[in-house]
Structure formats: C-alpha cells, structure tokens
C-alpha atoms as a PDB file:
ATOM      1  CA  MET A   1      -0.212   0.028   0.095  1.00  0.00           C
ATOM      2  CA  GLY A   2       2.719   2.275   1.003  1.00  0.00           C
ATOM      3  CA  PHE A   3       4.382   1.467  -2.522  1.00  0.00           C
ATOM      4  CA  LEU A   4       1.165   2.883  -4.447  1.00  0.00           C
ATOM      5  CA  LEU A   5       0.506   5.581  -2.514  1.00  0.00           C
ATOM      6  CA  ARG A   6       4.167   6.886  -3.263  1.00  0.00           C
ATOM      7  CA  VAL A   7       3.320   6.188  -6.839  1.00  0.00           C
ATOM      8  CA  GLY A   8       0.740   8.721  -6.768  1.00  0.00           C
ATOM      9  CA  SER A   9       3.010  11.310  -5.995  1.00  0.00           C
ATOM     10  CA  TYR A  10       5.164  10.515  -9.168  1.00  0.00           C
ATOM     11  CA  LEU A  11       2.343  10.087 -11.456  1.00  0.00           C
ATOM     12  CA  PHE A  12       0.620  13.289 -10.636  1.00  0.00           C
ATOM     13  CA  HIS A  13       3.342  15.381  -9.972  1.00  0.00           C
ATOM     14  CA  PRO A  14       2.155  19.201 -10.758  1.00  0.00           C
ATOM     15  CA  LEU A  15       4.670  19.492 -13.704  1.00  0.00           C
ATOM     16  CA  PHE A  16       2.725  16.862 -15.630  1.00  0.00           C
ATOM     17  CA  MET A  17      -0.883  18.758 -15.389  1.00  0.00           C
ATOM     18  CA  PRO A  18      -0.412  20.925 -18.309  1.00  0.00           C
ATOM     19  CA  LEU A  19       0.969  17.944 -20.726  1.00  0.00           C
ATOM     20  CA  LEU A  20      -1.925  15.646 -19.194  1.00  0.00           C
ATOM     21  CA  GLY A  21      -4.274  18.254 -20.045  1.00  0.00           C
ATOM     22  CA  TRP A  22      -3.157  18.775 -23.253  1.00  0.00           C
ATOM     23  CA  VAL A  23      -3.256  14.849 -24.003  1.00  0.00           C
ATOM     24  CA  LEU A  24      -7.081  14.692 -22.404  1.00  0.00           C
ATOM     25  CA  TYR A  25      -7.907  17.503 -24.687  1.00  0.00           C
ATOM     26  CA  ILE A  26      -6.622  16.331 -27.852  1.00  0.00           C
ATOM     27  CA  ILE A  27      -8.020  12.798 -26.799  1.00  0.00           C
ATOM     28  CA  ILE A  28     -11.580  14.141 -25.772  1.00  0.00           C
ATOM     29  CA  GLN A  29     -12.141  17.043 -28.529  1.00  0.00           C
ATOM     30  CA  PRO A  30     -14.176  16.340 -31.586  1.00  0.00           C
ATOM     31  CA  VAL A  31     -13.669  19.460 -33.666  1.00  0.00           C
ATOM     32  CA  HIS A  32      -9.878  19.583 -35.010  1.00  0.00           C
ATOM     33  CA  PRO A  33      -7.726  16.685 -36.584  1.00  0.00           C
ATOM     34  CA  LYS A  34      -5.740  15.288 -33.675  1.00  0.00           C
ATOM     35  CA  ALA A  35      -2.609  15.321 -35.733  1.00  0.00           C
ATOM     36  CA  LEU A  36      -2.882  19.124 -36.526  1.00  0.00           C
ATOM     37  CA  ILE A  37      -3.054  19.904 -33.009  1.00  0.00           C
ATOM     38  CA  LEU A  38      -0.352  17.619 -32.396  1.00  0.00           C
ATOM     39  CA  GLN A  39       1.775  18.946 -35.034  1.00  0.00           C
ATOM     40  CA  TYR A  40       0.907  22.950 -33.873  1.00  0.00           C
ATOM     41  CA  THR A  41       1.592  22.569 -30.451  1.00  0.00           C
ATOM     42  CA  TYR A  42       3.425  19.417 -28.987  1.00  0.00           C
ATOM     43  CA  LYS A  43       6.959  21.347 -29.148  1.00  0.00           C
ATOM     44  CA  ASP A  44       5.630  24.126 -27.174  1.00  0.00           C
ATOM     45  CA  VAL A  45       3.924  22.126 -25.015  1.00  0.00           C
ATOM     46  CA  LEU A  46       6.991  19.984 -24.172  1.00  0.00           C
ATOM     47  CA  LEU A  47       9.463  22.633 -23.851  1.00  0.00           C
ATOM     48  CA  PHE A  48       7.682  25.509 -22.198  1.00  0.00           C
ATOM     49  CA  THR A  49       5.675  23.363 -19.099  1.00  0.00           C
ATOM     50  CA  LEU A  50       7.817  20.165 -18.917  1.00  0.00           C
ATOM     51  CA  ILE A  51      11.625  20.733 -20.183  1.00  0.00           C
ATOM     52  CA  ILE A  52      12.355  24.175 -19.193  1.00  0.00           C
ATOM     53  CA  PRO A  53      10.807  23.802 -15.890  1.00  0.00           C
ATOM     54  CA  ALA A  54      12.682  20.683 -15.172  1.00  0.00           C
ATOM     55  CA  LEU A  55      15.971  22.281 -16.020  1.00  0.00           C
ATOM     56  CA  PHE A  56      15.393  25.287 -13.582  1.00  0.00           C
ATOM     57  CA  TRP A  57      14.290  22.581 -11.005  1.00  0.00           C
ATOM     58  CA  SER A  58      17.410  20.745 -11.539  1.00  0.00           C
ATOM     59  CA  TYR A  59      19.268  23.912 -11.365  1.00  0.00           C
ATOM     60  CA  LEU A  60      18.084  25.003  -8.171  1.00  0.00           C
ATOM     61  CA  LYS A  61      18.569  21.738  -7.033  1.00  0.00           C
ATOM     62  CA  LEU A  62      22.418  21.659  -7.884  1.00  0.00           C
ATOM     63  CA  ARG A  63      22.455  25.611  -6.250  1.00  0.00           C
ATOM     64  CA  ASN A  64      21.148  23.663  -3.425  1.00  0.00           C
ATOM     65  CA  ARG A  65      18.264  26.656  -3.477  1.00  0.00           C
ATOM     66  CA  ILE A  66      15.674  23.592  -3.189  1.00  0.00           C
ATOM     67  CA  SER A  67      16.340  21.063  -0.749  1.00  0.00           C
ATOM     68  CA  ASP A  68      14.067  18.395  -2.473  1.00  0.00           C
ATOM     69  CA  TRP A  69      12.394  18.127  -6.102  1.00  0.00           C
ATOM     70  CA  ASP A  70       8.815  18.340  -4.115  1.00  0.00           C
ATOM     71  CA  VAL A  71      10.034  21.962  -2.680  1.00  0.00           C
ATOM     72  CA  GLU A  72       8.782  20.603   0.379  1.00  0.00           C
ATOM     73  CA  LYS A  73       9.605  23.696   2.479  1.00  0.00           C
ATOM     74  CA  VAL A  74       7.604  26.848   2.087  1.00  0.00           C
ATOM     75  CA  LYS A  75      10.297  29.159   2.213  1.00  0.00           C
ATOM     76  CA  GLU A  76      11.817  27.437  -0.844  1.00  0.00           C
ATOM     77  CA  ARG A  77       9.243  27.975  -3.023  1.00  0.00           C
ATOM     78  CA  SER A  78       8.957  31.302  -4.133  1.00  0.00           C
ATOM     79  CA  ILE A  79      11.895  31.420  -6.650  1.00  0.00           C
ATOM     80  CA  PRO A  80      10.564  27.746  -8.366  1.00  0.00           C
ATOM     81  CA  LEU A  81       6.824  29.235  -8.071  1.00  0.00           C
ATOM     82  CA  LEU A  82       7.988  32.481  -9.984  1.00  0.00           C
ATOM     83  CA  LEU A  83      10.062  30.897 -12.365  1.00  0.00           C
ATOM     84  CA  TYR A  84       7.174  28.274 -13.538  1.00  0.00           C
ATOM     85  CA  SER A  85       4.912  31.098 -13.773  1.00  0.00           C
ATOM     86  CA  LEU A  86       7.242  32.947 -16.251  1.00  0.00           C
ATOM     87  CA  CYS A  87       7.181  29.497 -18.364  1.00  0.00           C
ATOM     88  CA  ILE A  88       3.577  29.445 -18.379  1.00  0.00           C
ATOM     89  CA  MET A  89       3.455  32.898 -19.602  1.00  0.00           C
ATOM     90  CA  ALA A  90       6.004  32.423 -21.935  1.00  0.00           C
ATOM     91  CA  PHE A  91       3.945  29.258 -23.626  1.00  0.00           C
ATOM     92  CA  ILE A  92       0.793  31.214 -23.608  1.00  0.00           C
ATOM     93  CA  TYR A  93       2.559  34.120 -25.632  1.00  0.00           C
ATOM     94  CA  LEU A  94       4.092  32.076 -27.947  1.00  0.00           C
ATOM     95  CA  ALA A  95       2.449  28.824 -28.215  1.00  0.00           C
ATOM     96  CA  LYS A  96      -0.429  28.685 -31.258  1.00  0.00           C
ATOM     97  CA  LEU A  97      -3.186  28.107 -28.829  1.00  0.00           C
ATOM     98  CA  ASN A  98      -5.755  30.516 -30.311  1.00  0.00           C
ATOM     99  CA  TYR A  99      -8.101  27.753 -31.848  1.00  0.00           C
ATOM    100  CA  ILE A 100      -7.747  25.346 -29.023  1.00  0.00           C
ATOM    101  CA  LEU A 101      -9.605  27.949 -26.414  1.00  0.00           C
ATOM    102  CA  PRO A 102     -10.769  25.533 -23.533  1.00  0.00           C
ATOM    103  CA  TYR A 103      -7.021  24.367 -23.553  1.00  0.00           C
ATOM    104  CA  LYS A 104      -5.515  27.760 -23.437  1.00  0.00           C
ATOM    105  CA  ALA A 105      -8.183  28.943 -20.632  1.00  0.00           C
ATOM    106  CA  PHE A 106      -7.145  25.766 -18.516  1.00  0.00           C
ATOM    107  CA  VAL A 107      -3.462  26.970 -19.012  1.00  0.00           C
ATOM    108  CA  TYR A 108      -4.222  30.601 -17.930  1.00  0.00           C
ATOM    109  CA  GLY A 109      -6.294  29.009 -14.946  1.00  0.00           C
ATOM    110  CA  ILE A 110      -3.298  27.157 -13.867  1.00  0.00           C
ATOM    111  CA  LEU A 111      -0.985  30.150 -14.092  1.00  0.00           C
ATOM    112  CA  THR A 112      -3.579  32.154 -11.827  1.00  0.00           C
ATOM    113  CA  SER A 113      -3.189  29.449  -9.278  1.00  0.00           C
ATOM    114  CA  VAL A 114       0.279  29.047  -9.550  1.00  0.00           C
ATOM    115  CA  ILE A 115       0.843  33.213  -8.881  1.00  0.00           C
ATOM    116  CA  THR A 116      -1.600  32.838  -6.067  1.00  0.00           C
ATOM    117  CA  CYS A 117       0.447  29.803  -4.524  1.00  0.00           C
ATOM    118  CA  TRP A 118       3.244  32.054  -4.789  1.00  0.00           C
ATOM    119  CA  ILE A 119       1.731  34.957  -3.496  1.00  0.00           C
ATOM    120  CA  LEU A 120       0.851  33.011  -0.359  1.00  0.00           C
ATOM    121  CA  THR A 121       4.394  31.619   0.000  1.00  0.00           C
ATOM    122  CA  LEU A 122       5.397  35.438   0.583  1.00  0.00           C
ATOM    123  CA  ILE A 123       3.075  35.269   3.777  1.00  0.00           C
ATOM    124  CA  LYS A 124       4.253  31.585   4.610  1.00  0.00           C
ATOM    125  CA  VAL A 125       1.241  29.621   3.484  1.00  0.00           C
ATOM    126  CA  LYS A 126       2.121  26.440   2.086  1.00  0.00           C
ATOM    127  CA  VAL A 127      -0.523  24.984  -0.737  1.00  0.00           C
ATOM    128  CA  SER A 128      -0.781  21.290  -1.879  1.00  0.00           C
ATOM    129  CA  LEU A 129       0.632  21.628  -5.564  1.00  0.00           C
ATOM    130  CA  HIS A 130      -0.284  18.249  -6.194  1.00  0.00           C
ATOM    131  CA  GLN A 131      -3.635  18.552  -5.163  1.00  0.00           C
ATOM    132  CA  LEU A 132      -3.810  21.900  -7.090  1.00  0.00           C
ATOM    133  CA  GLY A 133      -2.839  20.457 -10.241  1.00  0.00           C
ATOM    134  CA  ILE A 134      -4.868  17.241 -10.261  1.00  0.00           C
ATOM    135  CA  SER A 135      -8.302  19.100  -8.918  1.00  0.00           C
ATOM    136  CA  GLY A 136      -7.796  21.855 -11.786  1.00  0.00           C
ATOM    137  CA  LEU A 137      -7.515  19.093 -14.220  1.00  0.00           C
ATOM    138  CA  LEU A 138     -10.635  17.238 -12.964  1.00  0.00           C
ATOM    139  CA  ILE A 139     -12.627  20.849 -13.275  1.00  0.00           C
ATOM    140  CA  PHE A 140     -11.060  20.926 -16.970  1.00  0.00           C
ATOM    141  CA  VAL A 141     -12.533  17.644 -18.019  1.00  0.00           C
ATOM    142  CA  ILE A 142     -15.664  17.859 -16.199  1.00  0.00           C
ATOM    143  CA  CYS A 143     -16.471  21.394 -18.279  1.00  0.00           C
ATOM    144  CA  LEU A 144     -15.238  19.663 -21.424  1.00  0.00           C
ATOM    145  CA  SER A 145     -17.662  17.161 -20.986  1.00  0.00           C
ATOM    146  CA  ILE A 146     -20.152  19.822 -20.683  1.00  0.00           C
ATOM    147  CA  TYR A 147     -18.797  21.863 -23.724  1.00  0.00           C
ATOM    148  CA  PHE A 148     -18.375  19.152 -26.309  1.00  0.00           C
ATOM    149  CA  GLN A 149     -21.902  17.384 -25.027  1.00  0.00           C
ATOM    150  CA  ILE A 150     -19.916  13.840 -24.917  1.00  0.00           C
ATOM    151  CA  ASN A 151     -20.055  11.097 -21.633  1.00  0.00           C
ATOM    152  CA  LEU A 152     -16.619  11.946 -19.948  1.00  0.00           C
ATOM    153  CA  LEU A 153     -17.991   9.708 -16.965  1.00  0.00           C
ATOM    154  CA  LEU A 154     -14.742   7.250 -17.018  1.00  0.00           C
ATOM    155  CA  TYR A 155     -12.218  10.097 -17.134  1.00  0.00           C
ATOM    156  CA  ILE A 156     -14.160  12.067 -14.711  1.00  0.00           C
ATOM    157  CA  SER A 157     -14.344   8.799 -12.466  1.00  0.00           C
ATOM    158  CA  ILE A 158     -10.580   8.127 -12.770  1.00  0.00           C
ATOM    159  CA  LEU A 159      -9.903  11.777 -11.893  1.00  0.00           C
ATOM    160  CA  PHE A 160     -11.940  11.811  -9.038  1.00  0.00           C
ATOM    161  CA  ILE A 161     -10.037   8.757  -7.825  1.00  0.00           C
ATOM    162  CA  ALA A 162      -6.996  10.473  -8.563  1.00  0.00           C
ATOM    163  CA  ASN A 163      -7.497  13.317  -6.195  1.00  0.00           C
ATOM    164  CA  GLY A 164      -8.137  10.876  -3.579  1.00  0.00           C
ATOM    165  CA  TRP A 165      -5.026   8.945  -4.615  1.00  0.00           C
ATOM    166  CA  VAL A 166      -2.810  12.146  -4.688  1.00  0.00           C
ATOM    167  CA  ALA A 167      -4.438  13.234  -1.320  1.00  0.00           C
ATOM    168  CA  SER A 168      -4.026  10.003   0.593  1.00  0.00           C
ATOM    169  CA  SER A 169      -0.456  10.120  -0.936  1.00  0.00           C
ATOM    170  CA  ARG A 170       0.703  13.623   0.368  1.00  0.00           C
ATOM    171  CA  LEU A 171      -0.519  12.528   4.151  1.00  0.00           C
ATOM    172  CA  TYR A 172       1.021   9.081   3.950  1.00  0.00           C
ATOM    173  CA  LEU A 173       4.348  10.920   2.877  1.00  0.00           C
ATOM    174  CA  LYS A 174       3.720  13.634   5.828  1.00  0.00           C
ATOM    175  CA  LYS A 175       4.509  16.378   2.931  1.00  0.00           C
ATOM    176  CA  HIS A 176       0.861  17.975   3.699  1.00  0.00           C
ATOM    177  CA  SER A 177      -1.623  18.673   6.280  1.00  0.00           C
ATOM    178  CA  PRO A 178      -5.070  18.715   5.634  1.00  0.00           C
ATOM    179  CA  ILE A 179      -5.388  22.118   5.497  1.00  0.00           C
ATOM    180  CA  GLU A 180      -2.724  22.273   2.693  1.00  0.00           C
ATOM    181  CA  LEU A 181      -4.490  19.671   0.794  1.00  0.00           C
ATOM    182  CA  GLY A 182      -7.713  21.834   0.872  1.00  0.00           C
ATOM    183  CA  LEU A 183      -6.371  24.806  -0.166  1.00  0.00           C
ATOM    184  CA  GLY A 184      -4.687  23.101  -2.944  1.00  0.00           C
ATOM    185  CA  PHE A 185      -8.014  21.672  -4.135  1.00  0.00           C
ATOM    186  CA  VAL A 186      -9.509  24.681  -3.870  1.00  0.00           C
ATOM    187  CA  LEU A 187      -7.073  27.159  -5.565  1.00  0.00           C
ATOM    188  CA  GLY A 188      -6.834  24.673  -8.492  1.00  0.00           C
ATOM    189  CA  ALA A 189     -10.527  24.576  -8.945  1.00  0.00           C
ATOM    190  CA  LEU A 190     -11.757  28.234  -8.597  1.00  0.00           C
ATOM    191  CA  PRO A 191     -10.003  29.476 -11.452  1.00  0.00           C
ATOM    192  CA  GLN A 192     -10.829  27.025 -13.932  1.00  0.00           C
ATOM    193  CA  LEU A 193     -14.888  27.246 -12.843  1.00  0.00           C
ATOM    194  CA  TYR A 194     -14.101  31.147 -13.697  1.00  0.00           C
ATOM    195  CA  LEU A 195     -12.373  31.079 -16.624  1.00  0.00           C
ATOM    196  CA  VAL A 196     -14.622  28.272 -18.099  1.00  0.00           C
ATOM    197  CA  THR A 197     -17.270  31.318 -18.684  1.00  0.00           C
ATOM    198  CA  TYR A 198     -15.220  32.528 -21.229  1.00  0.00           C
ATOM    199  CA  TRP A 199     -15.334  29.369 -23.109  1.00  0.00           C
ATOM    200  CA  LEU A 200     -18.267  27.036 -22.013  1.00  0.00           C
END
C-alpha cells in the first residue's frame, strides 16, 4: 500500500498537469484533427511546461536553492513558483493556442493558481501543488464534457479517484496537512471554474 501511495505523488506531479491536460484535450475534442493539434503544439507544450521547468528545478537543486524535488519547505518555493509562472506566460504568448480556446483557458487557470500560490508563499502559507494540479484537471475535464456534450464519466471517475489518491499519498508521506490539501484543491479548481465562463 505504501508503494502505491508513493506512486501517486510521482504520476500526478504538478509539472505533468499542463501536459496531461493537453493529451486529454486532444483525445476528447471532436472538432479539430488530432494530428493538426499535435503538429502545431507539441513542441511548445513539451518545452515550456515540462523541459524548461525541469531544467530550472534541476539547476536550483544543484545550487542547493531547494532541498528536494517537491520543494517541501515553504521558504524555498518562491523562486521555483515564480520561474514556473514565467514559463507558463511564455507558453501562452508564444504557442499557437487561439484555435484551442478551452485548453488555453485551462493554462490561464494554471497560471492563476501558481501565481496565487507564489503570493501565499510570501506570507508563509503552504499549499499542496499536487492537489492543486489534479483538481484543476478534474474541473477542466468536467467542463469539456459539458462543452462538447460528450459522456466523459470514465475520465471524470478516474480523476476523482486520482484526487483521492494524491491526497492520501501526500498525507501518507507527511508532506502536507489536510488544510494544505484543501487549499490546493480550492486554488486549483476555482480559477478553472471562473475561466470556463469564457469558453463554455
């Protein structure tokens, strides 16, 4: 059981959420040819949401600016969150996302959540970034189901289970308190619920 709970923290790492949201959007949406979306967006998605942030994290770890990959200490979170915000801003500005508006709104929601977490670190408030990422993804898929009028109950059920899995994992590993997990869920979900009004 302990191994399974640990796996949850790795599978649903917050850095993977923009990429996972992009994959789910391509699979779910029935409007554009999937190959076309892949062709025009995959490089930017991989570069700005995964590769560059991972390089930043690695650099900070090598320079001992962060003590672990989860950036567990709240005092160490300010720089990584700020750098990640800049990566997401560059992604929004440079990537060709205007014709996939739902996904673009999802990324704006991620940016809003990350900036909010960054502000909270300045007053020493810690939020579960794992829970933030997976809750935002859950709301995004629910809204896609409504928008495209497609039955996505299987995906939604899996993501509900994933939310519980992540929460249990973080508690088991003693990385977060229930309050920090609750904050993560709310801060991940609320921006998605607000921004969905622009495309739903």
